[in-house]
Amino acid sequence: MASTSKRRQTMAKMNRERALKEKREMKQERKDAKKQARLAEEIVAEGELQAPRAEEEIDGTEPPE
């Protein structure tokens, strides 16, 4: 006959699960950091393209078309 009590989870299994969870969290953090860096690069690149236009407006000269 089967026992009616639940089997307890071993410490080894709990440690494996904790390590796996930590590994997944670290991977997600790396992915998020990479994504933020890519977005920051795009913003900087767009800002560099727009910066000369702002200077031309200050000078009062029209940008050539």
C-alpha atoms as a PDB file:
ATOM      1  CA  MET A   1       0.000   0.000   0.000  1.00  0.00           C
ATOM      2  CA  ALA A   2       1.099   3.520  -0.721  1.00  0.00           C
ATOM      3  CA  SER A   3       1.899   5.850   2.084  1.00  0.00           C
ATOM      4  CA  THR A   4      -0.579   8.656   2.647  1.00  0.00           C
ATOM      5  CA  SER A   5       2.085  11.130   3.740  1.00  0.00           C
ATOM      6  CA  LYS A   6       3.825  13.331   1.194  1.00  0.00           C
ATOM      7  CA  ARG A   7       7.456  12.709   0.428  1.00  0.00           C
ATOM      8  CA  ARG A   8       9.779  15.466   1.506  1.00  0.00           C
ATOM      9  CA  GLN A   9      11.948  17.205  -1.029  1.00  0.00           C
ATOM     10  CA  THR A  10      15.652  16.563  -0.559  1.00  0.00           C
ATOM     11  CA  MET A  11      18.129  19.365   0.082  1.00  0.00           C
ATOM     12  CA  ALA A  12      20.034  18.378  -3.054  1.00  0.00           C
ATOM     13  CA  LYS A  13      16.944  18.891  -5.206  1.00  0.00           C
ATOM     14  CA  MET A  14      16.184  22.218  -3.533  1.00  0.00           C
ATOM     15  CA  ASN A  15      19.776  23.342  -4.155  1.00  0.00           C
ATOM     16  CA  ARG A  16      19.594  22.309  -7.828  1.00  0.00           C
ATOM     17  CA  GLU A  17      16.352  24.208  -8.307  1.00  0.00           C
ATOM     18  CA  ARG A  18      17.735  27.298  -6.563  1.00  0.00           C
ATOM     19  CA  ALA A  19      20.884  27.224  -8.711  1.00  0.00           C
ATOM     20  CA  LEU A  20      18.790  26.877 -11.870  1.00  0.00           C
ATOM     21  CA  LYS A  21      16.579  29.789 -10.830  1.00  0.00           C
ATOM     22  CA  GLU A  22      19.621  31.977 -10.110  1.00  0.00           C
ATOM     23  CA  LYS A  23      21.152  31.034 -13.466  1.00  0.00           C
ATOM     24  CA  ARG A  24      17.970  32.003 -15.309  1.00  0.00           C
ATOM     25  CA  GLU A  25      17.776  35.311 -13.419  1.00  0.00           C
ATOM     26  CA  MET A  26      21.384  36.140 -14.301  1.00  0.00           C
ATOM     27  CA  LYS A  27      20.743  35.318 -17.955  1.00  0.00           C
ATOM     28  CA  GLN A  28      17.692  37.595 -17.989  1.00  0.00           C
ATOM     29  CA  GLU A  29      19.707  40.407 -16.368  1.00  0.00           C
ATOM     30  CA  ARG A  30      22.397  40.065 -19.052  1.00  0.00           C
ATOM     31  CA  LYS A  31      19.766  40.160 -21.798  1.00  0.00           C
ATOM     32  CA  ASP A  32      18.151  43.250 -20.257  1.00  0.00           C
ATOM     33  CA  ALA A  33      21.520  45.013 -19.921  1.00  0.00           C
ATOM     34  CA  LYS A  34      22.359  44.224 -23.540  1.00  0.00           C
ATOM     35  CA  LYS A  35      18.990  45.564 -24.670  1.00  0.00           C
ATOM     36  CA  GLN A  36      19.442  48.778 -22.656  1.00  0.00           C
ATOM     37  CA  ALA A  37      22.927  49.292 -24.117  1.00  0.00           C
ATOM     38  CA  ARG A  38      21.571  48.861 -27.641  1.00  0.00           C
ATOM     39  CA  LEU A  39      18.802  51.400 -26.984  1.00  0.00           C
ATOM     40  CA  ALA A  40      21.286  53.857 -25.488  1.00  0.00           C
ATOM     41  CA  GLU A  41      23.489  53.531 -28.588  1.00  0.00           C
ATOM     42  CA  GLU A  42      20.524  54.274 -30.838  1.00  0.00           C
ATOM     43  CA  ILE A  43      19.604  57.350 -28.813  1.00  0.00           C
ATOM     44  CA  VAL A  44      23.173  58.637 -28.959  1.00  0.00           C
ATOM     45  CA  ALA A  45      23.344  57.987 -32.698  1.00  0.00           C
ATOM     46  CA  GLU A  46      20.090  59.856 -33.267  1.00  0.00           C
ATOM     47  CA  GLY A  47      21.284  62.704 -31.068  1.00  0.00           C
ATOM     48  CA  GLU A  48      24.478  63.067 -33.109  1.00  0.00           C
ATOM     49  CA  LEU A  49      22.474  63.312 -36.309  1.00  0.00           C
ATOM     50  CA  GLN A  50      20.176  65.949 -34.863  1.00  0.00           C
ATOM     51  CA  ALA A  51      22.846  68.017 -33.068  1.00  0.00           C
ATOM     52  CA  PRO A  52      24.148  69.910 -36.170  1.00  0.00           C
ATOM     53  CA  ARG A  53      20.621  70.932 -37.114  1.00  0.00           C
ATOM     54  CA  ALA A  54      20.107  72.477 -33.690  1.00  0.00           C
ATOM     55  CA  GLU A  55      23.352  74.469 -34.054  1.00  0.00           C
ATOM     56  CA  GLU A  56      22.287  75.739 -37.478  1.00  0.00           C
ATOM     57  CA  GLU A  57      18.992  76.947 -36.053  1.00  0.00           C
ATOM     58  CA  ILE A  58      20.856  78.853 -33.367  1.00  0.00           C
ATOM     59  CA  ASP A  59      23.050  80.549 -35.994  1.00  0.00           C
ATOM     60  CA  GLY A  60      19.955  81.489 -37.965  1.00  0.00           C
ATOM     61  CA  THR A  61      21.181  79.889 -41.155  1.00  0.00           C
ATOM     62  CA  GLU A  62      19.020  77.627 -43.233  1.00  0.00           C
ATOM     63  CA  PRO A  63      20.259  74.052 -43.678  1.00  0.00           C
ATOM     64  CA  PRO A  64      20.891  73.134 -47.347  1.00  0.00           C
ATOM     65  CA  GLU A  65      18.402  70.759 -48.860  1.00  0.00           C
END
